[in-house]
N, C-alpha and C. Protein backbone atom coordinates (compact mmCIF):
# COMPACT_ATOMS: atom_id res chain seq x y z
N THR A 1 18.83 -7.86 3.32
CA THR A 1 19.25 -7.20 4.07
C THR A 1 18.86 -6.35 5.30
N LEU A 2 19.78 -5.87 6.28
CA LEU A 2 19.15 -5.50 7.31
C LEU A 2 18.26 -4.27 7.87
N ALA A 3 17.98 -3.63 6.40
CA ALA A 3 17.04 -2.74 6.46
C ALA A 3 15.81 -3.33 5.93
N GLU A 4 15.77 -4.08 5.13
CA GLU A 4 14.56 -5.26 4.73
C GLU A 4 14.16 -5.69 5.78
N ARG A 5 14.66 -6.35 6.99
CA ARG A 5 14.29 -6.97 8.14
C ARG A 5 13.76 -5.93 8.87
N THR A 6 14.23 -4.76 9.02
CA THR A 6 13.65 -3.96 9.97
C THR A 6 12.71 -3.34 9.86
N ASN A 7 12.49 -2.41 8.23
CA ASN A 7 11.23 -1.82 8.01
C ASN A 7 10.19 -2.41 7.88
N LEU A 8 9.83 -3.83 8.17
CA LEU A 8 8.46 -4.63 8.13
C LEU A 8 8.44 -5.52 9.42
N ALA A 9 9.64 -5.20 10.15
CA ALA A 9 9.91 -6.13 11.68
C ALA A 9 8.94 -5.46 12.47
N GLY A 10 8.28 -4.39 12.61
CA GLY A 10 7.06 -4.02 13.35
C GLY A 10 5.81 -4.41 12.83
N VAL A 11 5.56 -4.63 11.84
CA VAL A 11 4.10 -4.94 11.24
C VAL A 11 3.67 -6.55 11.61
N ARG A 12 2.70 -6.65 12.58
CA ARG A 12 2.54 -7.94 12.93
C ARG A 12 1.78 -8.59 11.84
N HIS A 13 0.80 -8.27 10.82
CA HIS A 13 -0.29 -8.97 10.05
C HIS A 13 0.07 -8.03 8.57
N ILE A 14 -0.06 -9.05 7.46
CA ILE A 14 -0.14 -8.02 6.28
C ILE A 14 -1.42 -8.62 5.63
N LEU A 15 -2.18 -7.85 4.76
CA LEU A 15 -3.13 -8.40 4.29
C LEU A 15 -3.27 -7.61 2.96
N LEU A 16 -3.32 -8.56 1.74
CA LEU A 16 -3.42 -8.06 0.25
C LEU A 16 -5.00 -7.92 -0.09
N VAL A 17 -5.15 -6.87 -0.99
CA VAL A 17 -6.51 -7.10 -1.56
C VAL A 17 -6.54 -7.12 -2.84
N LEU A 18 -7.23 -7.90 -3.54
CA LEU A 18 -7.02 -8.39 -4.41
C LEU A 18 -8.10 -8.52 -5.62
N SER A 19 -8.23 -8.22 -6.78
CA SER A 19 -9.30 -8.48 -7.59
C SER A 19 -9.07 -9.40 -9.03
N GLY A 20 -9.67 -9.85 -9.85
CA GLY A 20 -9.29 -10.17 -10.89
C GLY A 20 -9.80 -9.38 -12.25
N LYS A 21 -10.58 -7.95 -11.76
CA LYS A 21 -10.59 -7.03 -12.68
C LYS A 21 -10.81 -5.66 -11.91
N GLY A 22 -10.67 -4.65 -12.79
CA GLY A 22 -11.01 -3.44 -12.36
C GLY A 22 -12.17 -2.92 -11.88
N GLY A 23 -12.55 -1.84 -11.08
CA GLY A 23 -13.48 -1.03 -11.13
C GLY A 23 -14.52 -1.67 -9.98
N VAL A 24 -14.04 -2.79 -9.04
CA VAL A 24 -15.00 -3.61 -8.12
C VAL A 24 -14.73 -3.14 -7.07
N GLY A 25 -13.86 -2.09 -6.55
CA GLY A 25 -13.93 -1.46 -5.31
C GLY A 25 -12.64 -1.71 -4.09
N LYS A 26 -11.55 -2.14 -4.72
CA LYS A 26 -10.27 -2.70 -4.23
C LYS A 26 -10.10 -1.48 -3.29
N SER A 27 -9.68 -0.47 -3.89
CA SER A 27 -9.44 0.63 -3.02
C SER A 27 -10.31 1.01 -2.19
N THR A 28 -11.82 1.21 -2.11
CA THR A 28 -12.45 1.82 -1.38
C THR A 28 -12.84 0.72 -0.51
N LEU A 29 -12.39 -0.67 -0.50
CA LEU A 29 -12.66 -1.60 0.69
C LEU A 29 -11.22 -1.31 1.26
N SER A 30 -10.16 -1.19 0.57
CA SER A 30 -8.75 -1.17 1.32
C SER A 30 -8.90 0.02 2.23
N THR A 31 -9.32 1.19 1.89
CA THR A 31 -9.50 2.07 2.83
C THR A 31 -10.86 1.87 4.01
N GLU A 32 -11.67 1.68 3.77
CA GLU A 32 -12.47 1.28 4.67
C GLU A 32 -12.04 0.35 5.63
N LEU A 33 -11.55 -0.55 5.21
CA LEU A 33 -11.05 -1.75 6.10
C LEU A 33 -10.19 -1.28 7.29
N ALA A 34 -8.92 -0.25 6.55
CA ALA A 34 -8.07 0.52 7.64
C ALA A 34 -9.01 1.65 8.28
N LEU A 35 -9.95 2.04 7.98
CA LEU A 35 -10.56 2.87 9.01
C LEU A 35 -11.10 1.76 10.05
N ALA A 36 -11.74 0.87 9.37
CA ALA A 36 -12.65 0.23 10.72
C ALA A 36 -11.42 -0.69 11.80
N LEU A 37 -10.32 -0.95 11.08
CA LEU A 37 -9.16 -1.45 12.03
C LEU A 37 -8.83 -0.24 12.97
N ARG A 38 -8.48 0.65 12.23
CA ARG A 38 -8.19 2.01 13.57
C ARG A 38 -9.34 2.11 14.40
N HIS A 39 -10.52 2.28 13.77
CA HIS A 39 -11.76 2.63 14.90
C HIS A 39 -11.68 1.23 16.08
N ALA A 40 -11.46 0.02 15.55
CA ALA A 40 -11.18 -0.92 16.54
C ALA A 40 -9.69 -0.81 17.31
N GLY A 41 -9.40 0.41 17.48
CA GLY A 41 -7.68 0.49 18.20
C GLY A 41 -6.32 0.15 17.80
N LYS A 42 -6.61 -0.65 16.48
CA LYS A 42 -5.65 -1.42 15.71
C LYS A 42 -4.54 0.10 15.05
N ARG A 43 -3.37 -0.31 15.07
CA ARG A 43 -2.51 0.67 14.43
C ARG A 43 -2.23 0.02 12.94
N VAL A 44 -2.57 1.07 11.84
CA VAL A 44 -2.96 0.40 10.48
C VAL A 44 -1.96 1.10 9.70
N GLY A 45 -1.50 0.52 8.47
CA GLY A 45 -0.82 1.29 7.53
C GLY A 45 -1.62 0.66 6.01
N ILE A 46 -1.68 1.46 5.01
CA ILE A 46 -2.09 1.40 3.76
C ILE A 46 -0.55 1.45 2.84
N LEU A 47 -0.51 0.30 1.83
CA LEU A 47 0.47 0.54 1.06
C LEU A 47 -0.30 0.20 -0.47
N ASP A 48 -0.62 1.30 -1.38
CA ASP A 48 -1.27 1.60 -2.41
C ASP A 48 -0.30 1.50 -3.42
N VAL A 49 -0.20 0.17 -3.99
CA VAL A 49 0.79 -0.17 -5.15
C VAL A 49 -0.02 -0.49 -6.55
N ASP A 50 -1.43 0.31 -6.23
CA ASP A 50 -2.30 0.18 -7.64
C ASP A 50 -1.48 1.57 -8.58
N LEU A 51 -0.61 1.18 -9.08
CA LEU A 51 0.37 2.10 -9.94
C LEU A 51 -0.27 2.97 -11.20
N CYS A 52 -1.50 2.29 -11.44
CA CYS A 52 -2.15 2.88 -12.59
C CYS A 52 -3.47 3.75 -12.13
N GLY A 53 -3.88 3.54 -10.98
CA GLY A 53 -4.87 4.44 -10.42
C GLY A 53 -4.54 4.33 -8.96
N PRO A 54 -3.96 4.96 -8.60
CA PRO A 54 -3.51 4.92 -6.93
C PRO A 54 -4.69 6.75 -6.21
N SER A 55 -5.82 5.72 -6.02
CA SER A 55 -7.02 6.74 -5.49
C SER A 55 -7.11 6.69 -4.19
N ILE A 56 -6.18 6.12 -3.30
CA ILE A 56 -6.55 6.10 -1.63
C ILE A 56 -5.92 7.16 -1.15
N PRO A 57 -4.93 8.26 -1.85
CA PRO A 57 -4.48 9.34 -1.14
C PRO A 57 -5.70 10.50 -1.44
N ARG A 58 -6.47 10.32 -2.53
CA ARG A 58 -7.86 11.41 -2.54
C ARG A 58 -8.99 10.63 -1.57
N MET A 59 -9.05 9.20 -1.58
CA MET A 59 -10.00 8.64 -0.56
C MET A 59 -10.16 9.57 1.23
N LEU A 60 -8.61 9.80 1.19
CA LEU A 60 -8.33 10.19 2.61
C LEU A 60 -7.78 11.30 2.91
N ARG A 61 -7.98 12.30 1.80
CA ARG A 61 -8.00 13.91 1.40
C ARG A 61 -6.55 13.82 1.96
N VAL A 62 -5.18 13.25 1.53
CA VAL A 62 -4.22 13.76 1.67
C VAL A 62 -3.51 13.49 0.48
N GLN A 63 -4.29 13.73 -0.62
CA GLN A 63 -3.23 13.93 -1.90
C GLN A 63 -2.72 14.98 -2.40
N ASP A 64 -2.56 16.07 -1.49
CA ASP A 64 -1.47 17.06 -1.46
C ASP A 64 -0.23 16.60 -0.68
N SER A 65 -0.12 15.73 -0.18
CA SER A 65 0.87 15.53 0.98
C SER A 65 2.20 15.03 0.24
N ALA A 66 3.46 15.20 0.73
CA ALA A 66 4.70 15.00 0.16
C ALA A 66 5.18 13.78 1.00
N VAL A 67 6.01 12.69 0.57
CA VAL A 67 6.72 11.76 1.13
C VAL A 67 8.37 12.30 1.53
N HIS A 68 8.60 12.04 2.73
CA HIS A 68 9.91 12.57 3.18
C HIS A 68 10.81 11.60 3.25
N GLN A 69 12.40 11.77 2.78
CA GLN A 69 13.21 10.77 3.49
C GLN A 69 13.31 10.67 4.81
N CYS A 70 13.84 9.57 5.56
CA CYS A 70 14.84 9.43 6.85
C CYS A 70 15.73 8.32 6.81
N ASP A 71 16.37 8.03 7.92
CA ASP A 71 17.15 7.16 7.55
C ASP A 71 16.83 5.92 7.14
N SER A 72 15.82 5.61 7.64
CA SER A 72 15.56 3.96 7.14
C SER A 72 14.72 3.98 5.96
N GLY A 73 14.47 4.89 5.38
CA GLY A 73 13.80 4.94 4.08
C GLY A 73 12.84 6.06 3.86
N TRP A 74 11.85 6.02 3.15
CA TRP A 74 10.61 6.72 2.98
C TRP A 74 9.87 6.58 4.32
N VAL A 75 9.50 8.14 4.88
CA VAL A 75 8.69 7.96 5.68
C VAL A 75 6.93 8.22 5.06
N PRO A 76 6.06 7.12 5.60
CA PRO A 76 4.73 7.33 5.01
C PRO A 76 4.10 8.62 5.62
N VAL A 77 2.87 9.18 4.70
CA VAL A 77 2.13 10.10 5.10
C VAL A 77 1.30 9.55 6.34
N PHE A 78 0.71 10.17 7.16
CA PHE A 78 0.34 9.90 8.52
C PHE A 78 -1.19 10.67 8.11
N VAL A 79 -2.30 10.00 8.42
CA VAL A 79 -3.70 10.45 7.98
C VAL A 79 -4.59 10.59 9.05
N GLY A 80 -5.20 11.54 8.83
CA GLY A 80 -6.55 11.58 10.21
C GLY A 80 -6.13 12.78 11.12
N GLN A 81 -6.68 13.23 12.07
CA GLN A 81 -6.49 14.01 12.95
C GLN A 81 -5.34 13.63 13.86
N ASP A 82 -5.73 12.34 14.49
CA ASP A 82 -4.85 11.42 15.06
C ASP A 82 -3.92 11.17 14.78
N LYS A 83 -3.47 11.45 13.24
CA LYS A 83 -2.18 10.63 12.39
C LYS A 83 -2.21 9.42 12.64
N ALA A 84 -3.25 8.43 12.74
CA ALA A 84 -3.18 6.88 13.01
C ALA A 84 -2.94 6.19 11.80
N ILE A 85 -3.21 6.53 10.56
CA ILE A 85 -3.12 5.70 9.59
C ILE A 85 -2.11 5.81 8.48
N ALA A 86 -1.21 5.26 8.39
CA ALA A 86 0.33 5.37 7.81
C ALA A 86 -0.21 5.07 6.50
N LEU A 87 0.06 5.75 5.61
CA LEU A 87 -0.14 5.53 3.77
C LEU A 87 1.24 5.97 3.24
N MET A 88 1.49 4.95 2.13
CA MET A 88 2.33 4.98 1.10
C MET A 88 1.56 4.53 -0.28
N SER A 89 2.04 5.63 -1.13
CA SER A 89 1.12 5.47 -2.49
C SER A 89 2.48 6.10 -3.70
N ILE A 90 1.90 5.50 -4.68
CA ILE A 90 2.75 6.07 -5.85
C ILE A 90 2.14 7.57 -6.08
N GLY A 91 0.98 7.60 -5.94
CA GLY A 91 0.37 9.33 -5.97
C GLY A 91 1.33 10.09 -5.67
N PHE A 92 1.75 9.97 -4.28
CA PHE A 92 2.66 10.93 -3.59
C PHE A 92 4.06 11.33 -4.61
N LEU A 93 4.30 10.53 -5.34
CA LEU A 93 5.38 10.45 -6.11
C LEU A 93 5.26 11.04 -7.50
N LEU A 94 4.07 11.04 -7.92
CA LEU A 94 3.87 11.80 -9.07
C LEU A 94 3.53 13.26 -9.17
N GLU A 95 3.68 14.08 -10.31
CA GLU A 95 3.90 15.44 -10.30
C GLU A 95 2.24 16.03 -10.19
N ARG A 96 1.54 15.19 -10.67
CA ARG A 96 0.46 15.71 -10.66
C ARG A 96 -0.68 14.44 -10.21
N PRO A 97 -1.36 14.30 -9.38
CA PRO A 97 -1.89 13.31 -8.82
C PRO A 97 -2.84 12.21 -9.92
N ASP A 98 -3.21 13.04 -11.04
CA ASP A 98 -4.05 12.43 -12.09
C ASP A 98 -3.20 11.81 -13.12
N ASP A 99 -1.97 12.22 -13.05
CA ASP A 99 -1.42 11.47 -13.84
C ASP A 99 -0.96 10.05 -14.36
N ALA A 100 -1.05 9.49 -15.40
CA ALA A 100 -1.45 8.10 -15.83
C ALA A 100 0.00 7.82 -15.65
N VAL A 101 0.21 6.35 -15.19
CA VAL A 101 1.95 5.81 -15.07
C VAL A 101 1.68 5.04 -16.11
N VAL A 102 2.74 4.76 -17.05
CA VAL A 102 2.96 4.11 -18.36
C VAL A 102 4.45 3.71 -18.03
N TRP A 103 4.71 2.65 -17.12
CA TRP A 103 6.01 2.03 -17.22
C TRP A 103 5.44 0.54 -17.47
N ARG A 104 7.03 0.07 -18.06
CA ARG A 104 6.95 -1.45 -18.62
C ARG A 104 7.46 -2.32 -17.06
N GLY A 105 7.34 -3.60 -17.27
CA GLY A 105 7.31 -4.61 -15.97
C GLY A 105 8.31 -4.15 -15.19
N PRO A 106 9.71 -4.18 -15.70
CA PRO A 106 10.84 -4.00 -14.78
C PRO A 106 10.92 -2.90 -13.40
N LYS A 107 10.47 -1.65 -14.41
CA LYS A 107 10.27 -0.40 -13.49
C LYS A 107 9.61 -0.53 -12.30
N LYS A 108 8.34 -1.13 -12.70
CA LYS A 108 7.12 -1.14 -12.01
C LYS A 108 7.42 -2.20 -10.73
N ASN A 109 7.99 -3.20 -10.95
CA ASN A 109 8.64 -4.42 -10.22
C ASN A 109 9.54 -3.94 -9.33
N ALA A 110 10.41 -2.98 -9.49
CA ALA A 110 11.23 -2.55 -9.07
C ALA A 110 10.84 -1.36 -8.09
N LEU A 111 9.85 -0.86 -8.54
CA LEU A 111 9.11 0.16 -7.37
C LEU A 111 8.42 -0.73 -6.36
N ILE A 112 7.49 -1.39 -6.74
CA ILE A 112 7.03 -2.05 -5.57
C ILE A 112 7.74 -2.95 -4.75
N LYS A 113 8.94 -3.54 -5.21
CA LYS A 113 9.82 -3.99 -4.29
C LYS A 113 10.20 -2.98 -3.59
N GLN A 114 10.56 -1.78 -4.05
CA GLN A 114 11.03 -0.90 -3.26
C GLN A 114 10.49 -0.14 -2.10
N PHE A 115 8.59 -0.33 -2.44
CA PHE A 115 7.75 0.43 -1.47
C PHE A 115 7.75 -0.86 -0.38
N VAL A 116 7.88 -1.99 -0.72
CA VAL A 116 8.13 -3.09 0.43
C VAL A 116 9.08 -2.97 1.45
N THR A 117 10.00 -2.84 0.99
CA THR A 117 11.52 -2.84 1.65
C THR A 117 11.91 -1.16 2.25
N ASP A 118 11.43 -0.28 1.71
CA ASP A 118 12.21 1.31 2.00
C ASP A 118 11.04 2.01 2.43
N VAL A 119 9.84 1.79 3.14
CA VAL A 119 9.25 2.47 3.73
C VAL A 119 9.08 2.28 5.69
N ALA A 120 9.57 3.14 6.09
CA ALA A 120 9.63 3.19 7.49
C ALA A 120 8.07 3.13 7.98
N TRP A 121 7.79 1.98 8.15
CA TRP A 121 6.16 1.71 8.83
C TRP A 121 6.34 2.17 10.33
N GLY A 122 7.16 1.67 11.06
CA GLY A 122 7.00 1.23 12.36
C GLY A 122 6.60 0.27 13.02
N GLU A 123 5.94 0.51 14.14
CA GLU A 123 4.85 -0.60 14.42
C GLU A 123 3.41 -0.64 14.28
N LEU A 124 3.35 -1.62 13.31
CA LEU A 124 1.83 -1.74 12.65
C LEU A 124 0.87 -3.14 13.11
N ASP A 125 -0.19 -3.01 13.54
CA ASP A 125 -1.21 -4.20 13.77
C ASP A 125 -1.41 -4.70 12.40
N PHE A 126 -1.64 -4.15 11.11
CA PHE A 126 -1.96 -4.45 10.05
C PHE A 126 -1.28 -3.33 9.12
N LEU A 127 -1.13 -4.08 7.67
CA LEU A 127 -0.74 -3.65 6.58
C LEU A 127 -1.29 -3.92 5.63
N ILE A 128 -2.36 -2.89 5.01
CA ILE A 128 -3.28 -3.71 3.80
C ILE A 128 -2.48 -3.12 2.72
N VAL A 129 -2.38 -4.14 1.75
CA VAL A 129 -1.67 -3.77 0.69
C VAL A 129 -2.72 -3.74 -0.47
N ASP A 130 -3.34 -2.62 -1.32
CA ASP A 130 -4.31 -2.59 -2.37
C ASP A 130 -3.39 -2.59 -3.76
N THR A 131 -3.79 -3.60 -3.92
CA THR A 131 -3.11 -3.97 -5.57
C THR A 131 -3.78 -3.50 -6.69
N PRO A 132 -3.15 -3.63 -7.90
CA PRO A 132 -3.64 -3.02 -9.11
C PRO A 132 -4.67 -4.16 -9.72
N PRO A 133 -5.53 -3.73 -10.77
CA PRO A 133 -6.54 -4.65 -10.72
C PRO A 133 -5.83 -6.31 -11.75
N GLY A 134 -6.77 -7.20 -11.97
CA GLY A 134 -5.94 -8.27 -12.62
C GLY A 134 -5.04 -9.18 -12.11
N THR A 135 -4.46 -9.91 -12.78
CA THR A 135 -3.52 -11.33 -12.16
C THR A 135 -2.23 -11.00 -12.91
N SER A 136 -1.64 -9.54 -12.59
CA SER A 136 -0.28 -9.28 -13.49
C SER A 136 0.71 -9.27 -12.69
N ASP A 137 1.95 -9.36 -13.45
CA ASP A 137 3.40 -8.99 -13.03
C ASP A 137 3.28 -8.34 -11.44
N GLU A 138 2.50 -7.24 -11.28
CA GLU A 138 2.66 -6.44 -10.20
C GLU A 138 2.28 -7.30 -9.17
N HIS A 139 1.13 -8.58 -9.23
CA HIS A 139 0.50 -8.96 -7.81
C HIS A 139 1.97 -9.91 -7.33
N ILE A 140 2.26 -10.73 -8.56
CA ILE A 140 3.56 -11.38 -8.41
C ILE A 140 4.95 -10.76 -7.74
N SER A 141 5.24 -9.69 -8.19
CA SER A 141 6.24 -8.89 -7.57
C SER A 141 5.82 -8.50 -6.33
N THR A 142 4.60 -8.28 -5.55
CA THR A 142 4.18 -8.07 -4.54
C THR A 142 4.37 -9.02 -3.36
N VAL A 143 4.08 -10.33 -3.99
CA VAL A 143 3.72 -11.34 -3.30
C VAL A 143 5.18 -11.71 -3.02
N GLU A 144 6.06 -12.17 -3.94
CA GLU A 144 7.41 -12.18 -3.94
C GLU A 144 8.56 -11.27 -3.04
N ALA A 145 7.98 -10.12 -2.81
CA ALA A 145 8.84 -8.89 -2.16
C ALA A 145 8.38 -9.26 -0.56
N LEU A 146 7.36 -9.75 -0.23
CA LEU A 146 6.53 -9.83 0.84
C LEU A 146 6.59 -11.24 1.47
N ARG A 147 7.19 -12.26 0.62
CA ARG A 147 7.30 -13.83 0.79
C ARG A 147 8.09 -14.01 2.40
N PRO A 148 8.96 -12.81 2.62
CA PRO A 148 9.86 -13.49 3.90
C PRO A 148 9.12 -12.89 5.20
N TYR A 149 8.15 -12.18 4.59
CA TYR A 149 7.40 -11.66 6.04
C TYR A 149 5.95 -12.56 6.42
N GLN A 150 5.55 -12.27 7.34
CA GLN A 150 4.43 -12.91 7.78
C GLN A 150 2.93 -12.54 7.44
N LEU A 151 2.68 -13.52 6.11
CA LEU A 151 1.54 -12.36 5.46
C LEU A 151 0.11 -13.50 6.24
N LEU A 152 -0.72 -12.21 6.38
CA LEU A 152 -1.72 -12.43 7.13
C LEU A 152 -2.98 -13.33 6.24
N GLY A 153 -2.82 -12.82 4.99
CA GLY A 153 -3.57 -13.34 3.70
C GLY A 153 -4.17 -12.08 2.96
N ALA A 154 -5.31 -12.82 2.09
CA ALA A 154 -5.75 -11.47 1.00
C ALA A 154 -7.04 -11.89 1.24
N VAL A 155 -7.77 -10.41 0.90
CA VAL A 155 -9.35 -10.59 0.40
C VAL A 155 -9.25 -10.25 -0.84
N LEU A 156 -10.33 -11.14 -1.59
CA LEU A 156 -10.44 -11.05 -2.87
C LEU A 156 -11.64 -10.46 -2.99
N VAL A 157 -12.02 -9.27 -3.89
CA VAL A 157 -12.90 -8.63 -3.99
C VAL A 157 -13.54 -9.11 -5.42
N THR A 158 -14.84 -9.21 -5.28
CA THR A 158 -15.58 -9.53 -6.62
C THR A 158 -16.97 -8.90 -6.67
N THR A 159 -17.56 -9.07 -7.85
CA THR A 159 -18.84 -8.28 -8.05
C THR A 159 -19.61 -9.42 -8.81
N PRO A 160 -20.86 -9.76 -8.54
CA PRO A 160 -21.92 -10.68 -9.47
C PRO A 160 -22.19 -9.83 -10.82
N GLN A 161 -21.45 -11.00 -11.91
CA GLN A 161 -21.89 -10.31 -13.07
C GLN A 161 -22.67 -11.03 -13.92
């Protein structure tokens, strides 16, 4: 649809942050990467689709923020004194940030698709997508929803076990 094309139309590169297991630092890496790109003068957004543990709002100290609607969808939360990083996270939609999200596949997949299509990102150089741990349905849903757009690639986070 037209809205799907326009909400990501201004995003130049999309970067997925993935791992085969939890606790390896995907959210930390996503946050630090966003801050580094911002420091380099880039316009950056973070899409936190880690539905089970949305930690990026807390890392960026915006966990008490609310998401608002506009004509083209959800307005992301803008982070920092210069409001330079746009952030959308499931954490903003929970009543309490520490609530666990226990959803079955179809509902999770629908939310991910909605996050990809219904967030008004505006003009961004990079959209960093922080994914859940593992190789689950959420990853397939995320990649499928992003397939029509120009993906830059993925960062695979591992630890030496």
